Amino acid sequence: MKLIFAIVNSDDSHSVSSAITKAGFRATKLASSGGFLSTGNTTFMIACEDGKVDEVVEVIRTHSRKRKQVVSSEMAASISDSTMFPVEVSVGGATIFIVPIERIERV
């Protein structure tokens, strides 16, 4: 068994959640925020059999799209002291961690 932690942009949360459920997996959703832009994210925790990991990752990949976002002058200044104007950055997509599960119980 594996435990998948998938951190997705809040804009994609509903789509990812629906797709995971439709594919027959169960997930726990946690509200989270990123350290870089301090924007809202959703962290999904999904337990699955080893052979199903690629299927789960593909569902997440399909429903987590990357997009461009312009950050404010204040945020741009914190990224680099020499940057004092808005900067376009890439946001969205997903960050996925896959770890082994030693034991799982539902009580």
PDB file of N, CA and C in Angstrom:
ATOM      1  N   MET A   1       0.849  -1.185   0.000  1.00  0.00           N
ATOM      2  CA  MET A   1       0.000   0.000   0.000  1.00  0.00           C
ATOM      3  C   MET A   1       0.886   1.237   0.000  1.00  0.00           C
ATOM      4  N   LYS A   2       0.363   2.280  -0.619  1.00  0.00           N
ATOM      5  CA  LYS A   2       1.043   3.576  -0.667  1.00  0.00           C
ATOM      6  C   LYS A   2       0.097   4.659  -0.176  1.00  0.00           C
ATOM      7  N   LEU A   3       0.680   5.719   0.358  1.00  0.00           N
ATOM      8  CA  LEU A   3      -0.067   6.911   0.729  1.00  0.00           C
ATOM      9  C   LEU A   3       0.409   8.025  -0.174  1.00  0.00           C
ATOM     10  N   ILE A   4      -0.531   8.620  -0.892  1.00  0.00           N
ATOM     11  CA  ILE A   4      -0.223   9.696  -1.817  1.00  0.00           C
ATOM     12  C   ILE A   4      -0.674  11.012  -1.195  1.00  0.00           C
ATOM     13  N   PHE A   5       0.267  11.939  -1.064  1.00  0.00           N
ATOM     14  CA  PHE A   5      -0.046  13.304  -0.665  1.00  0.00           C
ATOM     15  C   PHE A   5       0.019  14.133  -1.949  1.00  0.00           C
ATOM     16  N   ALA A   6      -1.074  14.741  -2.327  1.00  0.00           N
ATOM     17  CA  ALA A   6      -1.105  15.554  -3.544  1.00  0.00           C
ATOM     18  C   ALA A   6      -1.534  16.967  -3.165  1.00  0.00           C
ATOM     19  N   ILE A   7      -0.655  17.921  -3.391  1.00  0.00           N
ATOM     20  CA  ILE A   7      -0.940  19.319  -3.086  1.00  0.00           C
ATOM     21  C   ILE A   7      -1.327  20.000  -4.385  1.00  0.00           C
ATOM     22  N   VAL A   8      -2.571  20.470  -4.454  1.00  0.00           N
ATOM     23  CA  VAL A   8      -3.074  21.100  -5.676  1.00  0.00           C
ATOM     24  C   VAL A   8      -3.605  22.497  -5.363  1.00  0.00           C
ATOM     25  N   ASN A   9      -3.609  23.342  -6.373  1.00  0.00           N
ATOM     26  CA  ASN A   9      -4.148  24.688  -6.238  1.00  0.00           C
ATOM     27  C   ASN A   9      -5.633  24.596  -5.909  1.00  0.00           C
ATOM     28  N   SER A  10      -6.116  25.478  -5.044  1.00  0.00           N
ATOM     29  CA  SER A  10      -7.526  25.451  -4.654  1.00  0.00           C
ATOM     30  C   SER A  10      -8.464  25.590  -5.842  1.00  0.00           C
ATOM     31  N   ASP A  11      -8.019  26.273  -6.894  1.00  0.00           N
ATOM     32  CA  ASP A  11      -8.850  26.404  -8.096  1.00  0.00           C
ATOM     33  C   ASP A  11      -9.129  25.057  -8.744  1.00  0.00           C
ATOM     34  N   ASP A  12      -8.261  24.086  -8.538  1.00  0.00           N
ATOM     35  CA  ASP A  12      -8.410  22.759  -9.138  1.00  0.00           C
ATOM     36  C   ASP A  12      -8.978  21.725  -8.164  1.00  0.00           C
ATOM     37  N   SER A  13      -9.181  22.111  -6.922  1.00  0.00           N
ATOM     38  CA  SER A  13      -9.559  21.175  -5.875  1.00  0.00           C
ATOM     39  C   SER A  13     -10.836  20.399  -6.187  1.00  0.00           C
ATOM     40  N   HIS A  14     -11.874  21.080  -6.600  1.00  0.00           N
ATOM     41  CA  HIS A  14     -13.153  20.411  -6.859  1.00  0.00           C
ATOM     42  C   HIS A  14     -13.022  19.407  -8.009  1.00  0.00           C
ATOM     43  N   SER A  15     -12.352  19.819  -9.072  1.00  0.00           N
ATOM     44  CA  SER A  15     -12.172  18.951 -10.228  1.00  0.00           C
ATOM     45  C   SER A  15     -11.376  17.692  -9.862  1.00  0.00           C
ATOM     46  N   VAL A  16     -10.287  17.877  -9.113  1.00  0.00           N
ATOM     47  CA  VAL A  16      -9.470  16.733  -8.686  1.00  0.00           C
ATOM     48  C   VAL A  16     -10.281  15.821  -7.767  1.00  0.00           C
ATOM     49  N   SER A  17     -10.980  16.398  -6.808  1.00  0.00           N
ATOM     50  CA  SER A  17     -11.775  15.620  -5.865  1.00  0.00           C
ATOM     51  C   SER A  17     -12.827  14.783  -6.585  1.00  0.00           C
ATOM     52  N   SER A  18     -13.546  15.405  -7.502  1.00  0.00           N
ATOM     53  CA  SER A  18     -14.580  14.689  -8.252  1.00  0.00           C
ATOM     54  C   SER A  18     -13.989  13.561  -9.085  1.00  0.00           C
ATOM     55  N   ALA A  19     -12.856  13.832  -9.736  1.00  0.00           N
ATOM     56  CA  ALA A  19     -12.222  12.821 -10.590  1.00  0.00           C
ATOM     57  C   ALA A  19     -11.686  11.649  -9.777  1.00  0.00           C
ATOM     58  N   ILE A  20     -11.107  11.929  -8.614  1.00  0.00           N
ATOM     59  CA  ILE A  20     -10.599  10.859  -7.748  1.00  0.00           C
ATOM     60  C   ILE A  20     -11.749   9.952  -7.313  1.00  0.00           C
ATOM     61  N   THR A  21     -12.850  10.561  -6.894  1.00  0.00           N
ATOM     62  CA  THR A  21     -14.023   9.795  -6.456  1.00  0.00           C
ATOM     63  C   THR A  21     -14.600   8.987  -7.612  1.00  0.00           C
ATOM     64  N   LYS A  22     -14.709   9.611  -8.782  1.00  0.00           N
ATOM     65  CA  LYS A  22     -15.254   8.928  -9.965  1.00  0.00           C
ATOM     66  C   LYS A  22     -14.387   7.733 -10.363  1.00  0.00           C
ATOM     67  N   ALA A  23     -13.075   7.846 -10.137  1.00  0.00           N
ATOM     68  CA  ALA A  23     -12.154   6.747 -10.461  1.00  0.00           C
ATOM     69  C   ALA A  23     -12.192   5.632  -9.416  1.00  0.00           C
ATOM     70  N   GLY A  24     -12.964   5.825  -8.344  1.00  0.00           N
ATOM     71  CA  GLY A  24     -13.137   4.768  -7.348  1.00  0.00           C
ATOM     72  C   GLY A  24     -12.195   4.837  -6.156  1.00  0.00           C
ATOM     73  N   PHE A  25     -11.522   5.964  -5.971  1.00  0.00           N
ATOM     74  CA  PHE A  25     -10.613   6.115  -4.840  1.00  0.00           C
ATOM     75  C   PHE A  25     -11.237   6.999  -3.770  1.00  0.00           C
ATOM     76  N   ARG A  26     -10.787   6.816  -2.547  1.00  0.00           N
ATOM     77  CA  ARG A  26     -11.217   7.679  -1.448  1.00  0.00           C
ATOM     78  C   ARG A  26     -10.077   8.613  -1.101  1.00  0.00           C
ATOM     79  N   ALA A  27     -10.435   9.837  -0.741  1.00  0.00           N
ATOM     80  CA  ALA A  27      -9.410  10.822  -0.396  1.00  0.00           C
ATOM     81  C   ALA A  27      -9.861  11.656   0.784  1.00  0.00           C
ATOM     82  N   THR A  28      -8.898  12.071   1.573  1.00  0.00           N
ATOM     83  CA  THR A  28      -9.132  13.039   2.636  1.00  0.00           C
ATOM     84  C   THR A  28      -8.550  14.358   2.165  1.00  0.00           C
ATOM     85  N   LYS A  29      -9.335  15.430   2.281  1.00  0.00           N
ATOM     86  CA  LYS A  29      -8.900  16.751   1.834  1.00  0.00           C
ATOM     87  C   LYS A  29      -8.536  17.608   3.042  1.00  0.00           C
ATOM     88  N   LEU A  30      -7.408  18.286   2.935  1.00  0.00           N
ATOM     89  CA  LEU A  30      -6.960  19.211   3.972  1.00  0.00           C
ATOM     90  C   LEU A  30      -6.704  20.570   3.345  1.00  0.00           C
ATOM     91  N   ALA A  31      -7.171  21.631   3.976  1.00  0.00           N
ATOM     92  CA  ALA A  31      -6.861  22.973   3.492  1.00  0.00           C
ATOM     93  C   ALA A  31      -5.409  23.272   3.848  1.00  0.00           C
ATOM     94  N   SER A  32      -4.681  23.849   2.907  1.00  0.00           N
ATOM     95  CA  SER A  32      -3.279  24.186   3.144  1.00  0.00           C
ATOM     96  C   SER A  32      -2.950  25.456   2.378  1.00  0.00           C
ATOM     97  N   SER A  33      -1.788  26.013   2.655  1.00  0.00           N
ATOM     98  CA  SER A  33      -1.366  27.202   1.900  1.00  0.00           C
ATOM     99  C   SER A  33       0.107  27.066   1.571  1.00  0.00           C
ATOM    100  N   GLY A  34       0.465  27.632   0.427  1.00  0.00           N
ATOM    101  CA  GLY A  34       1.838  27.541  -0.041  1.00  0.00           C
ATOM    102  C   GLY A  34       2.725  28.566   0.633  1.00  0.00           C
ATOM    103  N   GLY A  35       3.985  28.266   0.729  1.00  0.00           N
ATOM    104  CA  GLY A  35       4.935  29.183   1.335  1.00  0.00           C
ATOM    105  C   GLY A  35       5.410  30.264   0.388  1.00  0.00           C
ATOM    106  N   PHE A  36       5.389  29.993  -0.932  1.00  0.00           N
ATOM    107  CA  PHE A  36       5.910  30.938  -1.907  1.00  0.00           C
ATOM    108  C   PHE A  36       4.955  32.104  -2.121  1.00  0.00           C
ATOM    109  N   LEU A  37       3.719  31.826  -2.526  1.00  0.00           N
ATOM    110  CA  LEU A  37       2.748  32.888  -2.781  1.00  0.00           C
ATOM    111  C   LEU A  37       1.718  33.025  -1.669  1.00  0.00           C
ATOM    112  N   SER A  38       1.774  32.152  -0.682  1.00  0.00           N
ATOM    113  CA  SER A  38       0.827  32.144   0.434  1.00  0.00           C
ATOM    114  C   SER A  38      -0.616  32.051  -0.041  1.00  0.00           C
ATOM    115  N   THR A  39      -0.843  31.346  -1.135  1.00  0.00           N
ATOM    116  CA  THR A  39      -2.189  31.171  -1.657  1.00  0.00           C
ATOM    117  C   THR A  39      -2.758  29.845  -1.193  1.00  0.00           C
ATOM    118  N   GLY A  40      -4.071  29.710  -1.328  1.00  0.00           N
ATOM    119  CA  GLY A  40      -4.740  28.505  -0.881  1.00  0.00           C
ATOM    120  C   GLY A  40      -4.460  27.298  -1.737  1.00  0.00           C
ATOM    121  N   ASN A  41      -4.248  26.187  -1.081  1.00  0.00           N
ATOM    122  CA  ASN A  41      -4.073  24.897  -1.728  1.00  0.00           C
ATOM    123  C   ASN A  41      -4.986  23.898  -1.044  1.00  0.00           C
ATOM    124  N   THR A  42      -5.119  22.753  -1.654  1.00  0.00           N
ATOM    125  CA  THR A  42      -5.776  21.623  -1.018  1.00  0.00           C
ATOM    126  C   THR A  42      -4.793  20.467  -1.053  1.00  0.00           C
ATOM    127  N   THR A  43      -4.604  19.820   0.080  1.00  0.00           N
ATOM    128  CA  THR A  43      -3.749  18.644   0.144  1.00  0.00           C
ATOM    129  C   THR A  43      -4.652  17.419   0.249  1.00  0.00           C
ATOM    130  N   PHE A  44      -4.507  16.525  -0.711  1.00  0.00           N
ATOM    131  CA  PHE A  44      -5.267  15.274  -0.705  1.00  0.00           C
ATOM    132  C   PHE A  44      -4.395  14.172  -0.138  1.00  0.00           C
ATOM    133  N   MET A  45      -4.980  13.327   0.703  1.00  0.00           N
ATOM    134  CA  MET A  45      -4.321  12.116   1.206  1.00  0.00           C
ATOM    135  C   MET A  45      -5.112  10.939   0.649  1.00  0.00           C
ATOM    136  N   ILE A  46      -4.424  10.096  -0.129  1.00  0.00           N
ATOM    137  CA  ILE A  46      -5.091   8.994  -0.807  1.00  0.00           C
ATOM    138  C   ILE A  46      -4.297   7.715  -0.554  1.00  0.00           C
ATOM    139  N   ALA A  47      -4.927   6.723   0.043  1.00  0.00           N
ATOM    140  CA  ALA A  47      -4.292   5.417   0.235  1.00  0.00           C
ATOM    141  C   ALA A  47      -4.726   4.518  -0.917  1.00  0.00           C
ATOM    142  N   CYS A  48      -3.753   3.817  -1.516  1.00  0.00           N
ATOM    143  CA  CYS A  48      -4.111   2.910  -2.609  1.00  0.00           C
ATOM    144  C   CYS A  48      -3.102   1.760  -2.697  1.00  0.00           C
ATOM    145  N   GLU A  49      -3.499   0.740  -3.427  1.00  0.00           N
ATOM    146  CA  GLU A  49      -2.613  -0.392  -3.675  1.00  0.00           C
ATOM    147  C   GLU A  49      -1.449   0.064  -4.548  1.00  0.00           C
ATOM    148  N   ASP A  50      -0.304  -0.584  -4.402  1.00  0.00           N
ATOM    149  CA  ASP A  50       0.893  -0.222  -5.168  1.00  0.00           C
ATOM    150  C   ASP A  50       0.618  -0.141  -6.669  1.00  0.00           C
ATOM    151  N   GLY A  51      -0.152  -1.064  -7.182  1.00  0.00           N
ATOM    152  CA  GLY A  51      -0.433  -1.119  -8.610  1.00  0.00           C
ATOM    153  C   GLY A  51      -1.360  -0.029  -9.117  1.00  0.00           C
ATOM    154  N   LYS A  52      -1.976   0.729  -8.217  1.00  0.00           N
ATOM    155  CA  LYS A  52      -2.919   1.781  -8.601  1.00  0.00           C
ATOM    156  C   LYS A  52      -2.308   3.183  -8.513  1.00  0.00           C
ATOM    157  N   VAL A  53      -1.070   3.288  -8.064  1.00  0.00           N
ATOM    158  CA  VAL A  53      -0.434   4.596  -7.873  1.00  0.00           C
ATOM    159  C   VAL A  53      -0.406   5.396  -9.170  1.00  0.00           C
ATOM    160  N   ASP A  54       0.025   4.773 -10.257  1.00  0.00           N
ATOM    161  CA  ASP A  54       0.103   5.493 -11.535  1.00  0.00           C
ATOM    162  C   ASP A  54      -1.262   5.995 -11.978  1.00  0.00           C
ATOM    163  N   GLU A  55      -2.312   5.234 -11.719  1.00  0.00           N
ATOM    164  CA  GLU A  55      -3.674   5.650 -12.084  1.00  0.00           C
ATOM    165  C   GLU A  55      -4.085   6.894 -11.295  1.00  0.00           C
ATOM    166  N   VAL A  56      -3.810   6.888  -9.995  1.00  0.00           N
ATOM    167  CA  VAL A  56      -4.139   8.049  -9.165  1.00  0.00           C
ATOM    168  C   VAL A  56      -3.356   9.273  -9.623  1.00  0.00           C
ATOM    169  N   VAL A  57      -2.065   9.109  -9.863  1.00  0.00           N
ATOM    170  CA  VAL A  57      -1.225  10.227 -10.308  1.00  0.00           C
ATOM    171  C   VAL A  57      -1.744  10.792 -11.633  1.00  0.00           C
ATOM    172  N   GLU A  58      -2.163   9.933 -12.537  1.00  0.00           N
ATOM    173  CA  GLU A  58      -2.675  10.402 -13.832  1.00  0.00           C
ATOM    174  C   GLU A  58      -3.982  11.181 -13.666  1.00  0.00           C
ATOM    175  N   VAL A  59      -4.848  10.741 -12.770  1.00  0.00           N
ATOM    176  CA  VAL A  59      -6.089  11.486 -12.497  1.00  0.00           C
ATOM    177  C   VAL A  59      -5.746  12.879 -11.989  1.00  0.00           C
ATOM    178  N   ILE A  60      -4.811  12.959 -11.060  1.00  0.00           N
ATOM    179  CA  ILE A  60      -4.404  14.260 -10.505  1.00  0.00           C
ATOM    180  C   ILE A  60      -3.771  15.117 -11.591  1.00  0.00           C
ATOM    181  N   ARG A  61      -2.886  14.545 -12.367  1.00  0.00           N
ATOM    182  CA  ARG A  61      -2.211  15.280 -13.454  1.00  0.00           C
ATOM    183  C   ARG A  61      -3.235  15.850 -14.445  1.00  0.00           C
ATOM    184  N   THR A  62      -4.218  15.067 -14.798  1.00  0.00           N
ATOM    185  CA  THR A  62      -5.221  15.480 -15.773  1.00  0.00           C
ATOM    186  C   THR A  62      -6.069  16.646 -15.274  1.00  0.00           C
ATOM    187  N   HIS A  63      -6.287  16.713 -13.971  1.00  0.00           N
ATOM    188  CA  HIS A  63      -7.208  17.717 -13.423  1.00  0.00           C
ATOM    189  C   HIS A  63      -6.526  18.843 -12.657  1.00  0.00           C
ATOM    190  N   SER A  64      -5.209  18.903 -12.705  1.00  0.00           N
ATOM    191  CA  SER A  64      -4.446  19.990 -12.060  1.00  0.00           C
ATOM    192  C   SER A  64      -3.688  20.728 -13.145  1.00  0.00           C
ATOM    193  N   ARG A  65      -4.224  21.842 -13.579  1.00  0.00           N
ATOM    194  CA  ARG A  65      -3.585  22.533 -14.695  1.00  0.00           C
ATOM    195  C   ARG A  65      -2.673  23.655 -14.214  1.00  0.00           C
ATOM    196  N   LYS A  66      -1.589  23.849 -14.945  1.00  0.00           N
ATOM    197  CA  LYS A  66      -0.679  24.955 -14.656  1.00  0.00           C
ATOM    198  C   LYS A  66      -1.180  26.196 -15.360  1.00  0.00           C
ATOM    199  N   ARG A  67      -0.957  27.353 -14.745  1.00  0.00           N
ATOM    200  CA  ARG A  67      -1.357  28.617 -15.337  1.00  0.00           C
ATOM    201  C   ARG A  67      -0.387  29.692 -14.920  1.00  0.00           C
ATOM    202  N   LYS A  68      -0.428  30.813 -15.587  1.00  0.00           N
ATOM    203  CA  LYS A  68       0.425  31.951 -15.255  1.00  0.00           C
ATOM    204  C   LYS A  68      -0.348  32.900 -14.347  1.00  0.00           C
ATOM    205  N   GLN A  69       0.367  33.529 -13.420  1.00  0.00           N
ATOM    206  CA  GLN A  69      -0.239  34.504 -12.512  1.00  0.00           C
ATOM    207  C   GLN A  69       0.753  35.641 -12.325  1.00  0.00           C
ATOM    208  N   VAL A  70       0.247  36.847 -12.287  1.00  0.00           N
ATOM    209  CA  VAL A  70       1.098  38.001 -12.043  1.00  0.00           C
ATOM    210  C   VAL A  70       1.048  38.300 -10.547  1.00  0.00           C
ATOM    211  N   VAL A  71       2.221  38.339  -9.909  1.00  0.00           N
ATOM    212  CA  VAL A  71       2.284  38.636  -8.476  1.00  0.00           C
ATOM    213  C   VAL A  71       2.469  40.128  -8.284  1.00  0.00           C
ATOM    214  N   SER A  72       1.979  40.634  -7.177  1.00  0.00           N
ATOM    215  CA  SER A  72       2.012  42.065  -6.896  1.00  0.00           C
ATOM    216  C   SER A  72       3.432  42.580  -6.697  1.00  0.00           C
ATOM    217  N   SER A  73       3.573  43.886  -6.755  1.00  0.00           N
ATOM    218  CA  SER A  73       4.881  44.514  -6.541  1.00  0.00           C
ATOM    219  C   SER A  73       5.454  44.116  -5.185  1.00  0.00           C
ATOM    220  N   GLU A  74       4.606  44.061  -4.184  1.00  0.00           N
ATOM    221  CA  GLU A  74       5.061  43.701  -2.837  1.00  0.00           C
ATOM    222  C   GLU A  74       5.626  42.288  -2.821  1.00  0.00           C
ATOM    223  N   MET A  75       4.913  41.339  -3.452  1.00  0.00           N
ATOM    224  CA  MET A  75       5.389  39.960  -3.511  1.00  0.00           C
ATOM    225  C   MET A  75       6.650  39.884  -4.364  1.00  0.00           C
ATOM    226  N   ALA A  76       6.654  40.594  -5.479  1.00  0.00           N
ATOM    227  CA  ALA A  76       7.822  40.582  -6.358  1.00  0.00           C
ATOM    228  C   ALA A  76       9.052  41.088  -5.618  1.00  0.00           C
ATOM    229  N   ALA A  77       8.880  42.100  -4.784  1.00  0.00           N
ATOM    230  CA  ALA A  77      10.006  42.652  -4.025  1.00  0.00           C
ATOM    231  C   ALA A  77      10.543  41.632  -3.030  1.00  0.00           C
ATOM    232  N   SER A  78       9.659  40.791  -2.474  1.00  0.00           N
ATOM    233  CA  SER A  78      10.135  39.796  -1.510  1.00  0.00           C
ATOM    234  C   SER A  78      10.849  38.638  -2.206  1.00  0.00           C
ATOM    235  N   ILE A  79      10.575  38.440  -3.486  1.00  0.00           N
ATOM    236  CA  ILE A  79      11.242  37.380  -4.226  1.00  0.00           C
ATOM    237  C   ILE A  79      12.677  37.794  -4.545  1.00  0.00           C
ATOM    238  N   SER A  80      12.861  39.025  -4.934  1.00  0.00           N
ATOM    239  CA  SER A  80      14.182  39.530  -5.288  1.00  0.00           C
ATOM    240  C   SER A  80      14.241  41.023  -4.984  1.00  0.00           C
ATOM    241  N   ASP A  81      15.264  41.451  -4.242  1.00  0.00           N
ATOM    242  CA  ASP A  81      15.374  42.851  -3.868  1.00  0.00           C
ATOM    243  C   ASP A  81      15.455  43.771  -5.072  1.00  0.00           C
ATOM    244  N   SER A  82      15.984  43.271  -6.185  1.00  0.00           N
ATOM    245  CA  SER A  82      16.147  44.119  -7.359  1.00  0.00           C
ATOM    246  C   SER A  82      14.874  44.183  -8.204  1.00  0.00           C
ATOM    247  N   THR A  83      13.894  43.329  -7.914  1.00  0.00           N
ATOM    248  CA  THR A  83      12.668  43.311  -8.696  1.00  0.00           C
ATOM    249  C   THR A  83      11.608  44.143  -7.982  1.00  0.00           C
ATOM    250  N   MET A  84      11.270  45.287  -8.568  1.00  0.00           N
ATOM    251  CA  MET A  84      10.277  46.155  -7.941  1.00  0.00           C
ATOM    252  C   MET A  84       9.060  46.348  -8.834  1.00  0.00           C
ATOM    253  N   PHE A  85       8.776  45.389  -9.696  1.00  0.00           N
ATOM    254  CA  PHE A  85       7.624  45.472 -10.575  1.00  0.00           C
ATOM    255  C   PHE A  85       6.948  44.104 -10.607  1.00  0.00           C
ATOM    256  N   PRO A  86       5.678  44.050 -11.026  1.00  0.00           N
ATOM    257  CA  PRO A  86       4.987  42.757 -11.058  1.00  0.00           C
ATOM    258  C   PRO A  86       5.713  41.748 -11.948  1.00  0.00           C
ATOM    259  N   VAL A  87       5.668  40.498 -11.513  1.00  0.00           N
ATOM    260  CA  VAL A  87       6.356  39.421 -12.214  1.00  0.00           C
ATOM    261  C   VAL A  87       5.349  38.308 -12.489  1.00  0.00           C
ATOM    262  N   GLU A  88       5.418  37.724 -13.677  1.00  0.00           N
ATOM    263  CA  GLU A  88       4.560  36.604 -14.013  1.00  0.00           C
ATOM    264  C   GLU A  88       5.224  35.308 -13.541  1.00  0.00           C
ATOM    265  N   VAL A  89       4.470  34.498 -12.786  1.00  0.00           N
ATOM    266  CA  VAL A  89       4.991  33.228 -12.286  1.00  0.00           C
ATOM    267  C   VAL A  89       4.038  32.109 -12.700  1.00  0.00           C
ATOM    268  N   SER A  90       4.547  30.903 -12.712  1.00  0.00           N
ATOM    269  CA  SER A  90       3.747  29.733 -13.029  1.00  0.00           C
ATOM    270  C   SER A  90       3.154  29.178 -11.737  1.00  0.00           C
ATOM    271  N   VAL A  91       1.839  28.945 -11.709  1.00  0.00           N
ATOM    272  CA  VAL A  91       1.165  28.377 -10.539  1.00  0.00           C
ATOM    273  C   VAL A  91       0.322  27.195 -10.991  1.00  0.00           C
ATOM    274  N   GLY A  92      -0.203  26.472 -10.048  1.00  0.00           N
ATOM    275  CA  GLY A  92      -1.064  25.337 -10.364  1.00  0.00           C
ATOM    276  C   GLY A  92      -0.262  24.062 -10.513  1.00  0.00           C
ATOM    277  N   GLY A  93      -0.850  23.121 -11.210  1.00  0.00           N
ATOM    278  CA  GLY A  93      -0.228  21.811 -11.279  1.00  0.00           C
ATOM    279  C   GLY A  93      -0.399  21.109  -9.945  1.00  0.00           C
ATOM    280  N   ALA A  94       0.440  20.178  -9.675  1.00  0.00           N
ATOM    281  CA  ALA A  94       0.357  19.445  -8.414  1.00  0.00           C
ATOM    282  C   ALA A  94       1.752  19.038  -7.972  1.00  0.00           C
ATOM    283  N   THR A  95       1.925  18.979  -6.667  1.00  0.00           N
ATOM    284  CA  THR A  95       3.131  18.400  -6.084  1.00  0.00           C
ATOM    285  C   THR A  95       2.674  17.127  -5.386  1.00  0.00           C
ATOM    286  N   ILE A  96       3.298  16.019  -5.738  1.00  0.00           N
ATOM    287  CA  ILE A  96       2.832  14.719  -5.255  1.00  0.00           C
ATOM    288  C   ILE A  96       3.956  13.989  -4.526  1.00  0.00           C
ATOM    289  N   PHE A  97       3.641  13.514  -3.328  1.00  0.00           N
ATOM    290  CA  PHE A  97       4.567  12.700  -2.536  1.00  0.00           C
ATOM    291  C   PHE A  97       3.931  11.324  -2.391  1.00  0.00           C
ATOM    292  N   ILE A  98       4.722  10.277  -2.584  1.00  0.00           N
ATOM    293  CA  ILE A  98       4.227   8.907  -2.467  1.00  0.00           C
ATOM    294  C   ILE A  98       5.095   8.182  -1.450  1.00  0.00           C
ATOM    295  N   VAL A  99       4.459   7.692  -0.394  1.00  0.00           N
ATOM    296  CA  VAL A  99       5.197   7.030   0.683  1.00  0.00           C
ATOM    297  C   VAL A  99       4.562   5.671   0.993  1.00  0.00           C
ATOM    298  N   PRO A 100       5.379   4.726   1.445  1.00  0.00           N
ATOM    299  CA  PRO A 100       4.827   3.413   1.791  1.00  0.00           C
ATOM    300  C   PRO A 100       3.995   3.486   3.074  1.00  0.00           C
ATOM    301  N   ILE A 101       2.982   2.648   3.131  1.00  0.00           N
ATOM    302  CA  ILE A 101       2.165   2.509   4.330  1.00  0.00           C
ATOM    303  C   ILE A 101       2.542   1.191   4.996  1.00  0.00           C
ATOM    304  N   GLU A 102       2.935   1.260   6.222  1.00  0.00           N
ATOM    305  CA  GLU A 102       3.287   0.035   6.949  1.00  0.00           C
ATOM    306  C   GLU A 102       2.022  -0.696   7.400  1.00  0.00           C
ATOM    307  N   ARG A 103       1.030   0.094   7.820  1.00  0.00           N
ATOM    308  CA  ARG A 103      -0.192  -0.506   8.355  1.00  0.00           C
ATOM    309  C   ARG A 103      -1.323   0.492   8.187  1.00  0.00           C
ATOM    310  N   ILE A 104      -2.502  -0.006   7.865  1.00  0.00           N
ATOM    311  CA  ILE A 104      -3.687   0.846   7.764  1.00  0.00           C
ATOM    312  C   ILE A 104      -4.840   0.151   8.451  1.00  0.00           C
ATOM    313  N   GLU A 105      -5.595   0.894   9.225  1.00  0.00           N
ATOM    314  CA  GLU A 105      -6.767   0.354   9.912  1.00  0.00           C
ATOM    315  C   GLU A 105      -7.898   1.355   9.797  1.00  0.00           C
ATOM    316  N   ARG A 106      -9.088   0.843   9.584  1.00  0.00           N
ATOM    317  CA  ARG A 106     -10.292   1.669   9.629  1.00  0.00           C
ATOM    318  C   ARG A 106     -11.090   1.147  10.817  1.00  0.00           C
ATOM    319  N   VAL A 107     -11.282   2.001  11.808  1.00  0.00           N
ATOM    320  CA  VAL A 107     -11.984   1.568  13.021  1.00  0.00           C
ATOM    321  C   VAL A 107     -13.242   2.358  13.227  1.00  0.00           C
TER     322      VAL A 107
END
